[in-house]
C-alpha atoms as a PDB file:
ATOM      1  CA  MET A   1       0.062   0.079   0.087  1.00  0.00           C
ATOM      2  CA  GLN A   2       1.319   3.080  -1.001  1.00  0.00           C
ATOM      3  CA  LEU A   3       1.361   5.632   2.307  1.00  0.00           C
ATOM      4  CA  PRO A   4      -0.069   9.391   2.195  1.00  0.00           C
ATOM      5  CA  PRO A   5       3.044  11.925   1.856  1.00  0.00           C
ATOM      6  CA  GLY A   6       5.053  12.049   5.005  1.00  0.00           C
ATOM      7  CA  ARG A   7       3.864   8.756   6.238  1.00  0.00           C
ATOM      8  CA  LYS A   8       6.365   6.670   4.554  1.00  0.00           C
ATOM      9  CA  TYR A   9       8.896   7.786   7.473  1.00  0.00           C
ATOM     10  CA  GLY A  10       6.226   7.992  10.270  1.00  0.00           C
ATOM     11  CA  ILE A  11       5.231  11.529   9.866  1.00  0.00           C
ATOM     12  CA  THR A  12       1.729  12.770   9.858  1.00  0.00           C
ATOM     13  CA  PRO A  13       0.375  15.226   7.094  1.00  0.00           C
ATOM     14  CA  GLY A  14       0.199  18.116  10.196  1.00  0.00           C
ATOM     15  CA  VAL A  15       3.913  17.550  11.417  1.00  0.00           C
ATOM     16  CA  ALA A  16       4.896  17.802   7.729  1.00  0.00           C
ATOM     17  CA  LEU A  17       3.210  20.921   6.966  1.00  0.00           C
ATOM     18  CA  VAL A  18       5.007  22.372   9.996  1.00  0.00           C
ATOM     19  CA  ILE A  19       8.279  21.255   8.817  1.00  0.00           C
ATOM     20  CA  VAL A  20       7.623  22.899   5.183  1.00  0.00           C
ATOM     21  CA  PHE A  21       6.350  26.158   6.949  1.00  0.00           C
ATOM     22  CA  ALA A  22      10.051  25.747   8.920  1.00  0.00           C
ATOM     23  CA  LEU A  23      11.979  25.275   5.850  1.00  0.00           C
ATOM     24  CA  LEU A  24      10.472  27.954   4.170  1.00  0.00           C
ATOM     25  CA  ILE A  25      10.518  30.653   6.461  1.00  0.00           C
ATOM     26  CA  ALA A  26      14.473  29.538   7.016  1.00  0.00           C
ATOM     27  CA  ALA A  27      15.080  29.802   3.334  1.00  0.00           C
ATOM     28  CA  ALA A  28      13.550  33.487   3.481  1.00  0.00           C
ATOM     29  CA  GLY A  29      16.055  34.088   6.278  1.00  0.00           C
ATOM     30  CA  CYS A  30      18.909  32.998   4.606  1.00  0.00           C
ATOM     31  CA  ALA A  31      17.796  34.916   1.351  1.00  0.00           C
ATOM     32  CA  ARG A  32      17.635  37.976   3.242  1.00  0.00           C
ATOM     33  CA  THR A  33      21.275  37.880   4.318  1.00  0.00           C
ATOM     34  CA  LYS A  34      22.644  38.016   0.734  1.00  0.00           C
ATOM     35  CA  ALA A  35      22.140  41.260  -1.106  1.00  0.00           C
ATOM     36  CA  PRO A  36      21.171  41.664  -4.616  1.00  0.00           C
ATOM     37  CA  ALA A  37      24.300  42.614  -6.851  1.00  0.00           C
ATOM     38  CA  GLU A  38      25.430  46.164  -5.703  1.00  0.00           C
ATOM     39  CA  MET A  39      22.893  46.621  -3.225  1.00  0.00           C
ATOM     40  CA  ALA A  40      23.611  46.679   0.643  1.00  0.00           C
ATOM     41  CA  TYR A  41      21.384  45.052   3.359  1.00  0.00           C
ATOM     42  CA  ILE A  42      20.060  47.478   5.571  1.00  0.00           C
ATOM     43  CA  PRO A  43      18.972  45.285   9.016  1.00  0.00           C
ATOM     44  CA  ALA A  44      15.301  46.034  10.722  1.00  0.00           C
ATOM     45  CA  GLY A  45      15.336  47.955  13.892  1.00  0.00           C
ATOM     46  CA  ALA A  46      14.967  51.537  15.319  1.00  0.00           C
ATOM     47  CA  PHE A  47      17.431  54.231  15.195  1.00  0.00           C
ATOM     48  CA  VAL A  48      17.821  58.067  16.224  1.00  0.00           C
ATOM     49  CA  MET A  49      16.343  60.417  13.433  1.00  0.00           C
ATOM     50  CA  GLY A  50      17.425  64.074  13.346  1.00  0.00           C
ATOM     51  CA  SER A  51      19.763  66.388  15.065  1.00  0.00           C
ATOM     52  CA  ASP A  52      19.121  68.677  17.953  1.00  0.00           C
ATOM     53  CA  ASP A  53      22.345  70.745  16.542  1.00  0.00           C
ATOM     54  CA  GLY A  54      21.595  70.826  13.112  1.00  0.00           C
ATOM     55  CA  TYR A  55      19.044  73.060  11.137  1.00  0.00           C
ATOM     56  CA  PRO A  56      15.393  73.806  12.408  1.00  0.00           C
ATOM     57  CA  ASP A  57      14.163  71.111  10.049  1.00  0.00           C
ATOM     58  CA  GLU A  58      16.191  68.517  11.776  1.00  0.00           C
ATOM     59  CA  ARG A  59      14.455  68.802  15.047  1.00  0.00           C
ATOM     60  CA  PRO A  60      13.241  67.105  16.915  1.00  0.00           C
ATOM     61  CA  VAL A  61      15.096  64.278  17.472  1.00  0.00           C
ATOM     62  CA  HIS A  62      13.137  60.991  17.150  1.00  0.00           C
ATOM     63  CA  THR A  63      13.219  57.089  17.402  1.00  0.00           C
ATOM     64  CA  VAL A  64      12.345  55.773  14.045  1.00  0.00           C
ATOM     65  CA  ASP A  65      11.611  51.796  13.888  1.00  0.00           C
ATOM     66  CA  ILE A  66      12.037  50.517  10.031  1.00  0.00           C
ATOM     67  CA  GLN A  67      11.835  47.496   8.551  1.00  0.00           C
ATOM     68  CA  GLY A  68      14.656  45.926   6.843  1.00  0.00           C
ATOM     69  CA  PHE A  69      15.569  46.369   2.859  1.00  0.00           C
ATOM     70  CA  TYR A  70      18.020  46.863   0.346  1.00  0.00           C
ATOM     71  CA  MET A  71      19.934  49.870  -0.831  1.00  0.00           C
ATOM     72  CA  ASP A  72      22.314  50.565  -3.857  1.00  0.00           C
ATOM     73  CA  ARG A  73      25.778  50.941  -2.756  1.00  0.00           C
ATOM     74  CA  TYR A  74      26.501  53.445  -5.171  1.00  0.00           C
ATOM     75  CA  GLU A  75      24.422  56.391  -6.889  1.00  0.00           C
ATOM     76  CA  VAL A  76      23.100  55.525 -10.287  1.00  0.00           C
ATOM     77  CA  THR A  77      25.385  56.355 -13.256  1.00  0.00           C
ATOM     78  CA  VAL A  78      24.992  58.196 -16.445  1.00  0.00           C
ATOM     79  CA  ALA A  79      25.312  54.983 -18.559  1.00  0.00           C
ATOM     80  CA  GLU A  80      23.220  53.363 -16.268  1.00  0.00           C
ATOM     81  CA  TYR A  81      20.367  56.099 -16.493  1.00  0.00           C
ATOM     82  CA  VAL A  82      21.196  55.922 -20.273  1.00  0.00           C
ATOM     83  CA  GLY A  83      20.676  52.044 -20.452  1.00  0.00           C
ATOM     84  CA  PHE A  84      17.205  52.791 -18.788  1.00  0.00           C
ATOM     85  CA  LEU A  85      16.054  55.525 -21.542  1.00  0.00           C
ATOM     86  CA  ASN A  86      17.001  53.298 -24.363  1.00  0.00           C
ATOM     87  CA  HIS A  87      14.738  50.457 -23.026  1.00  0.00           C
ATOM     88  CA  VAL A  88      11.770  52.503 -22.295  1.00  0.00           C
ATOM     89  CA  GLY A  89      12.747  54.989 -25.447  1.00  0.00           C
ATOM     90  CA  ARG A  90      11.388  58.344 -24.419  1.00  0.00           C
ATOM     91  CA  LEU A  91      12.283  61.475 -22.172  1.00  0.00           C
ATOM     92  CA  TYR A  92       8.750  61.719 -20.993  1.00  0.00           C
ATOM     93  CA  GLY A  93       6.556  59.754 -18.684  1.00  0.00           C
ATOM     94  CA  SER A  94       2.869  59.151 -19.467  1.00  0.00           C
ATOM     95  CA  ASP A  95       1.767  61.749 -16.903  1.00  0.00           C
ATOM     96  CA  GLY A  96       3.832  64.206 -19.129  1.00  0.00           C
ATOM     97  CA  HIS A  97       6.670  65.055 -16.713  1.00  0.00           C
ATOM     98  CA  LYS A  98      10.245  65.092 -18.139  1.00  0.00           C
ATOM     99  CA  TYR A  99      12.631  62.213 -16.908  1.00  0.00           C
ATOM    100  CA  ALA A 100      15.748  63.905 -17.889  1.00  0.00           C
ATOM    101  CA  ASP A 101      17.682  66.642 -19.843  1.00  0.00           C
ATOM    102  CA  VAL A 102      19.853  65.750 -22.940  1.00  0.00           C
ATOM    103  CA  LYS A 103      22.468  67.865 -23.802  1.00  0.00           C
ATOM    104  CA  ASP A 104      20.545  69.107 -27.056  1.00  0.00           C
ATOM    105  CA  ASP A 105      18.425  71.268 -24.255  1.00  0.00           C
ATOM    106  CA  ASN A 106      21.326  71.415 -21.559  1.00  0.00           C
ATOM    107  CA  PRO A 107      24.806  71.508 -22.163  1.00  0.00           C
ATOM    108  CA  GLN A 108      25.772  70.528 -18.891  1.00  0.00           C
ATOM    109  CA  SER A 109      23.955  67.104 -19.345  1.00  0.00           C
ATOM    110  CA  HIS A 110      25.892  64.348 -20.099  1.00  0.00           C
ATOM    111  CA  ILE A 111      23.027  62.531 -22.011  1.00  0.00           C
ATOM    112  CA  LEU A 112      23.286  62.771 -25.776  1.00  0.00           C
ATOM    113  CA  SER A 113      20.684  62.108 -28.178  1.00  0.00           C
ATOM    114  CA  HIS A 114      22.388  59.400 -30.635  1.00  0.00           C
ATOM    115  CA  GLY A 115      19.812  58.887 -33.582  1.00  0.00           C
ATOM    116  CA  ASN A 116      16.819  57.130 -32.121  1.00  0.00           C
ATOM    117  CA  GLY A 117      18.023  56.813 -28.511  1.00  0.00           C
ATOM    118  CA  TYR A 118      20.321  57.903 -26.332  1.00  0.00           C
ATOM    119  CA  ALA A 119      24.255  57.727 -25.244  1.00  0.00           C
ATOM    120  CA  VAL A 120      26.841  58.882 -22.913  1.00  0.00           C
ATOM    121  CA  GLU A 121      29.248  61.661 -23.359  1.00  0.00           C
ATOM    122  CA  LYS A 122      32.760  60.091 -23.489  1.00  0.00           C
ATOM    123  CA  GLY A 123      34.275  59.794 -20.323  1.00  0.00           C
ATOM    124  CA  PHE A 124      31.372  60.211 -18.177  1.00  0.00           C
ATOM    125  CA  GLU A 125      30.236  56.525 -18.095  1.00  0.00           C
ATOM    126  CA  ASN A 126      30.662  56.025 -14.273  1.00  0.00           C
ATOM    127  CA  TYR A 127      29.630  59.662 -13.000  1.00  0.00           C
ATOM    128  CA  PRO A 128      26.444  60.021 -11.126  1.00  0.00           C
ATOM    129  CA  VAL A 129      23.415  61.267 -13.497  1.00  0.00           C
ATOM    130  CA  THR A 130      22.321  64.738 -12.327  1.00  0.00           C
ATOM    131  CA  TRP A 131      19.591  66.811 -14.379  1.00  0.00           C
ATOM    132  CA  VAL A 132      17.116  64.147 -13.888  1.00  0.00           C
ATOM    133  CA  SER A 133      13.684  64.777 -12.028  1.00  0.00           C
ATOM    134  CA  TRP A 134      12.309  63.057  -9.105  1.00  0.00           C
ATOM    135  CA  TYR A 135       9.843  61.565 -11.509  1.00  0.00           C
ATOM    136  CA  GLY A 136      12.902  60.106 -13.853  1.00  0.00           C
ATOM    137  CA  ALA A 137      14.443  58.800 -10.487  1.00  0.00           C
ATOM    138  CA  ASP A 138      11.123  57.059  -9.256  1.00  0.00           C
ATOM    139  CA  ALA A 139      10.694  55.775 -13.042  1.00  0.00           C
ATOM    140  CA  TYR A 140      14.108  54.258 -13.264  1.00  0.00           C
ATOM    141  CA  CYS A 141      13.877  52.642  -9.733  1.00  0.00           C
ATOM    142  CA  ARG A 142      10.305  50.986 -10.986  1.00  0.00           C
ATOM    143  CA  PHE A 143      11.537  50.109 -13.960  1.00  0.00           C
ATOM    144  CA  HIS A 144      14.373  48.045 -12.238  1.00  0.00           C
ATOM    145  CA  HIS A 145      11.769  46.836  -9.854  1.00  0.00           C
ATOM    146  CA  LYS A 146      12.841  48.743  -6.795  1.00  0.00           C
ATOM    147  CA  ARG A 147      11.822  52.165  -5.568  1.00  0.00           C
ATOM    148  CA  LEU A 148      13.346  55.460  -4.013  1.00  0.00           C
ATOM    149  CA  PRO A 149      14.140  55.003  -0.359  1.00  0.00           C
ATOM    150  CA  THR A 150      12.410  56.780   2.386  1.00  0.00           C
ATOM    151  CA  GLU A 151      13.696  59.562   4.222  1.00  0.00           C
ATOM    152  CA  ALA A 152      13.978  57.519   7.328  1.00  0.00           C
ATOM    153  CA  GLU A 153      15.702  54.675   5.423  1.00  0.00           C
ATOM    154  CA  TRP A 154      18.342  56.949   3.385  1.00  0.00           C
ATOM    155  CA  GLU A 155      19.228  58.490   6.901  1.00  0.00           C
ATOM    156  CA  LYS A 156      19.611  55.122   8.741  1.00  0.00           C
ATOM    157  CA  ALA A 157      21.680  53.773   5.852  1.00  0.00           C
ATOM    158  CA  ALA A 158      23.931  56.633   6.183  1.00  0.00           C
ATOM    159  CA  ARG A 159      24.604  57.228   9.674  1.00  0.00           C
ATOM    160  CA  GLY A 160      24.033  53.491  10.903  1.00  0.00           C
ATOM    161  CA  THR A 161      22.515  53.533  14.833  1.00  0.00           C
ATOM    162  CA  ASP A 162      25.240  55.354  16.807  1.00  0.00           C
ATOM    163  CA  ARG A 163      23.958  58.686  15.813  1.00  0.00           C
ATOM    164  CA  ARG A 164      27.157  59.435  13.965  1.00  0.00           C
ATOM    165  CA  ARG A 165      27.233  63.200  12.127  1.00  0.00           C
ATOM    166  CA  TYR A 166      28.886  61.865   8.594  1.00  0.00           C
ATOM    167  CA  PRO A 167      29.069  58.324   6.960  1.00  0.00           C
ATOM    168  CA  TRP A 168      32.355  57.518   8.417  1.00  0.00           C
ATOM    169  CA  GLY A 169      32.180  59.377  12.025  1.00  0.00           C
ATOM    170  CA  ASP A 170      31.439  62.690  13.733  1.00  0.00           C
ATOM    171  CA  GLU A 171      34.320  65.088  12.237  1.00  0.00           C
ATOM    172  CA  PHE A 172      34.402  65.937   8.688  1.00  0.00           C
ATOM    173  CA  ASP A 173      37.248  64.837   6.373  1.00  0.00           C
ATOM    174  CA  PRO A 174      37.732  66.460   3.078  1.00  0.00           C
ATOM    175  CA  ALA A 175      39.630  62.903   2.042  1.00  0.00           C
ATOM    176  CA  ARG A 176      36.319  60.812   2.286  1.00  0.00           C
ATOM    177  CA  ALA A 177      33.889  62.948   0.216  1.00  0.00           C
ATOM    178  CA  ASN A 178      33.339  65.231  -2.563  1.00  0.00           C
ATOM    179  CA  ALA A 179      31.659  67.888  -0.384  1.00  0.00           C
ATOM    180  CA  GLY A 180      32.467  71.728   0.541  1.00  0.00           C
ATOM    181  CA  GLY A 181      33.620  72.932  -2.937  1.00  0.00           C
ATOM    182  CA  VAL A 182      36.746  71.486  -2.912  1.00  0.00           C
ATOM    183  CA  LEU A 183      36.567  70.257  -6.296  1.00  0.00           C
ATOM    184  CA  THR A 184      34.646  71.803  -9.487  1.00  0.00           C
ATOM    185  CA  GLY A 185      32.052  68.993 -10.040  1.00  0.00           C
ATOM    186  CA  THR A 186      31.148  65.575  -9.566  1.00  0.00           C
ATOM    187  CA  VAL A 187      33.529  62.702  -9.642  1.00  0.00           C
ATOM    188  CA  PRO A 188      33.173  59.056 -10.651  1.00  0.00           C
ATOM    189  CA  VAL A 189      31.084  56.829  -8.204  1.00  0.00           C
ATOM    190  CA  GLY A 190      32.520  55.003  -5.447  1.00  0.00           C
ATOM    191  CA  SER A 191      35.817  57.440  -5.695  1.00  0.00           C
ATOM    192  CA  TYR A 192      35.888  57.889  -1.855  1.00  0.00           C
ATOM    193  CA  PRO A 193      36.183  54.024  -0.287  1.00  0.00           C
ATOM    194  CA  ASP A 194      37.247  55.551   3.348  1.00  0.00           C
ATOM    195  CA  GLY A 195      34.104  57.623   3.160  1.00  0.00           C
ATOM    196  CA  VAL A 196      31.408  54.699   3.150  1.00  0.00           C
ATOM    197  CA  SER A 197      28.503  54.345   5.829  1.00  0.00           C
ATOM    198  CA  PRO A 198      28.504  51.538   8.565  1.00  0.00           C
ATOM    199  CA  TYR A 199      26.470  49.233   5.716  1.00  0.00           C
ATOM    200  CA  GLY A 200      29.295  50.083   2.851  1.00  0.00           C
ATOM    201  CA  LEU A 201      27.176  52.525   0.896  1.00  0.00           C
ATOM    202  CA  TYR A 202      29.495  54.918  -1.044  1.00  0.00           C
ATOM    203  CA  ASP A 203      28.959  58.817  -1.598  1.00  0.00           C
ATOM    204  CA  MET A 204      26.012  58.931   1.091  1.00  0.00           C
ATOM    205  CA  ALA A 205      28.072  62.335   1.974  1.00  0.00           C
ATOM    206  CA  GLY A 206      28.611  64.748  -0.780  1.00  0.00           C
ATOM    207  CA  ASN A 207      28.952  64.473  -4.988  1.00  0.00           C
ATOM    208  CA  VAL A 208      25.523  65.054  -5.478  1.00  0.00           C
ATOM    209  CA  TRP A 209      22.324  65.362  -3.267  1.00  0.00           C
ATOM    210  CA  GLU A 210      19.996  62.440  -3.815  1.00  0.00           C
ATOM    211  CA  TRP A 211      16.215  62.430  -4.537  1.00  0.00           C
ATOM    212  CA  VAL A 212      13.897  60.553  -1.530  1.00  0.00           C
ATOM    213  CA  ALA A 213      10.586  59.278  -1.966  1.00  0.00           C
ATOM    214  CA  ASP A 214       9.153  61.545   0.780  1.00  0.00           C
ATOM    215  CA  TRP A 215       7.493  65.190   0.471  1.00  0.00           C
ATOM    216  CA  TYR A 216       9.179  67.441   2.612  1.00  0.00           C
ATOM    217  CA  GLU A 217       7.166  67.773   5.834  1.00  0.00           C
ATOM    218  CA  PRO A 218       8.203  68.833   9.302  1.00  0.00           C
ATOM    219  CA  TYR A 219       9.007  65.908  11.711  1.00  0.00           C
ATOM    220  CA  PRO A 220       6.562  64.714  14.195  1.00  0.00           C
ATOM    221  CA  GLY A 221       6.376  67.118  17.394  1.00  0.00           C
ATOM    222  CA  SER A 222       8.297  69.778  15.393  1.00  0.00           C
ATOM    223  CA  ASP A 223       6.676  73.260  15.466  1.00  0.00           C
ATOM    224  CA  TYR A 224       9.002  74.481  12.566  1.00  0.00           C
ATOM    225  CA  ARG A 225       6.972  75.714   9.554  1.00  0.00           C
ATOM    226  CA  SER A 226       7.907  76.147   5.799  1.00  0.00           C
ATOM    227  CA  PRO A 227       5.672  77.300   2.659  1.00  0.00           C
ATOM    228  CA  PHE A 228       7.582  74.268   0.942  1.00  0.00           C
ATOM    229  CA  PHE A 229       6.072  71.806   3.080  1.00  0.00           C
ATOM    230  CA  GLY A 230       4.031  69.275   1.155  1.00  0.00           C
ATOM    231  CA  LYS A 231       4.869  70.831  -2.393  1.00  0.00           C
ATOM    232  CA  TYR A 232       8.308  69.681  -2.664  1.00  0.00           C
ATOM    233  CA  LYS A 233      10.417  66.446  -2.403  1.00  0.00           C
ATOM    234  CA  VAL A 234      13.367  65.730   0.085  1.00  0.00           C
ATOM    235  CA  VAL A 235      16.758  65.226  -1.435  1.00  0.00           C
ATOM    236  CA  ARG A 236      19.632  63.931   0.938  1.00  0.00           C
ATOM    237  CA  GLY A 237      23.504  64.076   1.525  1.00  0.00           C
ATOM    238  CA  GLY A 238      24.784  67.289   0.198  1.00  0.00           C
ATOM    239  CA  SER A 239      26.826  68.048  -3.093  1.00  0.00           C
ATOM    240  CA  TRP A 240      30.019  69.200  -4.356  1.00  0.00           C
ATOM    241  CA  ASN A 241      29.498  72.746  -4.303  1.00  0.00           C
ATOM    242  CA  HIS A 242      27.581  72.966  -1.342  1.00  0.00           C
ATOM    243  CA  PRO A 243      29.191  73.735   2.541  1.00  0.00           C
ATOM    244  CA  TYR A 244      30.456  70.606   3.908  1.00  0.00           C
ATOM    245  CA  GLN A 245      27.518  71.085   6.615  1.00  0.00           C
ATOM    246  CA  ASP A 246      25.110  70.264   4.400  1.00  0.00           C
ATOM    247  CA  SER A 247      26.771  66.498   3.932  1.00  0.00           C
ATOM    248  CA  ARG A 248      25.767  65.780   7.486  1.00  0.00           C
ATOM    249  CA  THR A 249      23.726  62.306   7.912  1.00  0.00           C
ATOM    250  CA  THR A 250      20.747  64.490   9.162  1.00  0.00           C
ATOM    251  CA  SER A 251      20.853  67.636   7.032  1.00  0.00           C
ATOM    252  CA  ARG A 252      17.761  68.239   4.796  1.00  0.00           C
ATOM    253  CA  ASP A 253      16.866  69.803   1.703  1.00  0.00           C
ATOM    254  CA  PHE A 254      14.310  70.207  -0.780  1.00  0.00           C
ATOM    255  CA  ALA A 255      13.790  70.604  -4.588  1.00  0.00           C
ATOM    256  CA  HIS A 256      10.461  70.651  -6.585  1.00  0.00           C
ATOM    257  CA  PRO A 257       9.889  67.229  -8.152  1.00  0.00           C
ATOM    258  CA  ALA A 258       9.581  68.309 -11.639  1.00  0.00           C
ATOM    259  CA  ARG A 259      13.092  70.189 -11.758  1.00  0.00           C
ATOM    260  CA  ARG A 260      16.203  69.164 -13.128  1.00  0.00           C
ATOM    261  CA  ILE A 261      19.102  69.770 -11.046  1.00  0.00           C
ATOM    262  CA  GLY A 262      22.816  69.687 -11.613  1.00  0.00           C
ATOM    263  CA  VAL A 263      23.641  68.776  -8.136  1.00  0.00           C
ATOM    264  CA  VAL A 264      20.623  66.278  -7.583  1.00  0.00           C
ATOM    265  CA  GLY A 265      21.004  62.692  -8.367  1.00  0.00           C
ATOM    266  CA  PHE A 266      19.570  59.490  -6.785  1.00  0.00           C
ATOM    267  CA  ARG A 267      19.806  55.668  -5.863  1.00  0.00           C
ATOM    268  CA  CYS A 268      17.402  53.187  -5.385  1.00  0.00           C
ATOM    269  CA  ALA A 269      16.345  50.703  -2.675  1.00  0.00           C
ATOM    270  CA  SER A 270      14.010  47.608  -2.558  1.00  0.00           C
ATOM    271  CA  LYS A 271      12.663  45.493   0.236  1.00  0.00           C
END
């Protein structure tokens, strides 16, 4: 007589089901420890967000508990963004928002119109893409089955759980970030290996500001008010030509989501 599944070894169907679920849960746990290519895993847990000695919109300090997630180790490059544009075959989303500038309409862009598609200006393949709107950044991440990080996710990825002011520690070091106007423009992503965040992310300080998912809003319990709340998106991380203090892990700035700006780029996140 052929026994039902599991009975062959004296295991009841109920016990077999429990074992299957346990194996699935264990497999999921193992999968979370291995990050996708070029992404780092930021573990679940609470961290302290904000600063009491920064700009008014960084207050009050508060604790945020977030789920674990993955985040790109590097800012999205010009070459990567050009690849996206060539796949979708357009510069505008279905909502009419322009994704990015090309050199034809903005001489400072490193994206070239090339026949029926797009190409990278020679020598800028590995530079962070700029002149990309929030809509263009969001579309890129979604195309790759990712998303823009939330503001809280971005900050935890940059500072970890020990409340550090910069990704590497509490004191600014010009050898660890392209910030403070020391250089005259962006540099290839990953150029500052000594400036990585606690989770191994590059350029979380300086090079270019980075779009995040959130609208610019006050923190819980804040009495600070701004006419830009709810109308602009948050950017994080500072840039090459902003004061180095803007590259602190808690520093916030904002930009209109439709604008394409030469000092703003992005990276993606995913669950």
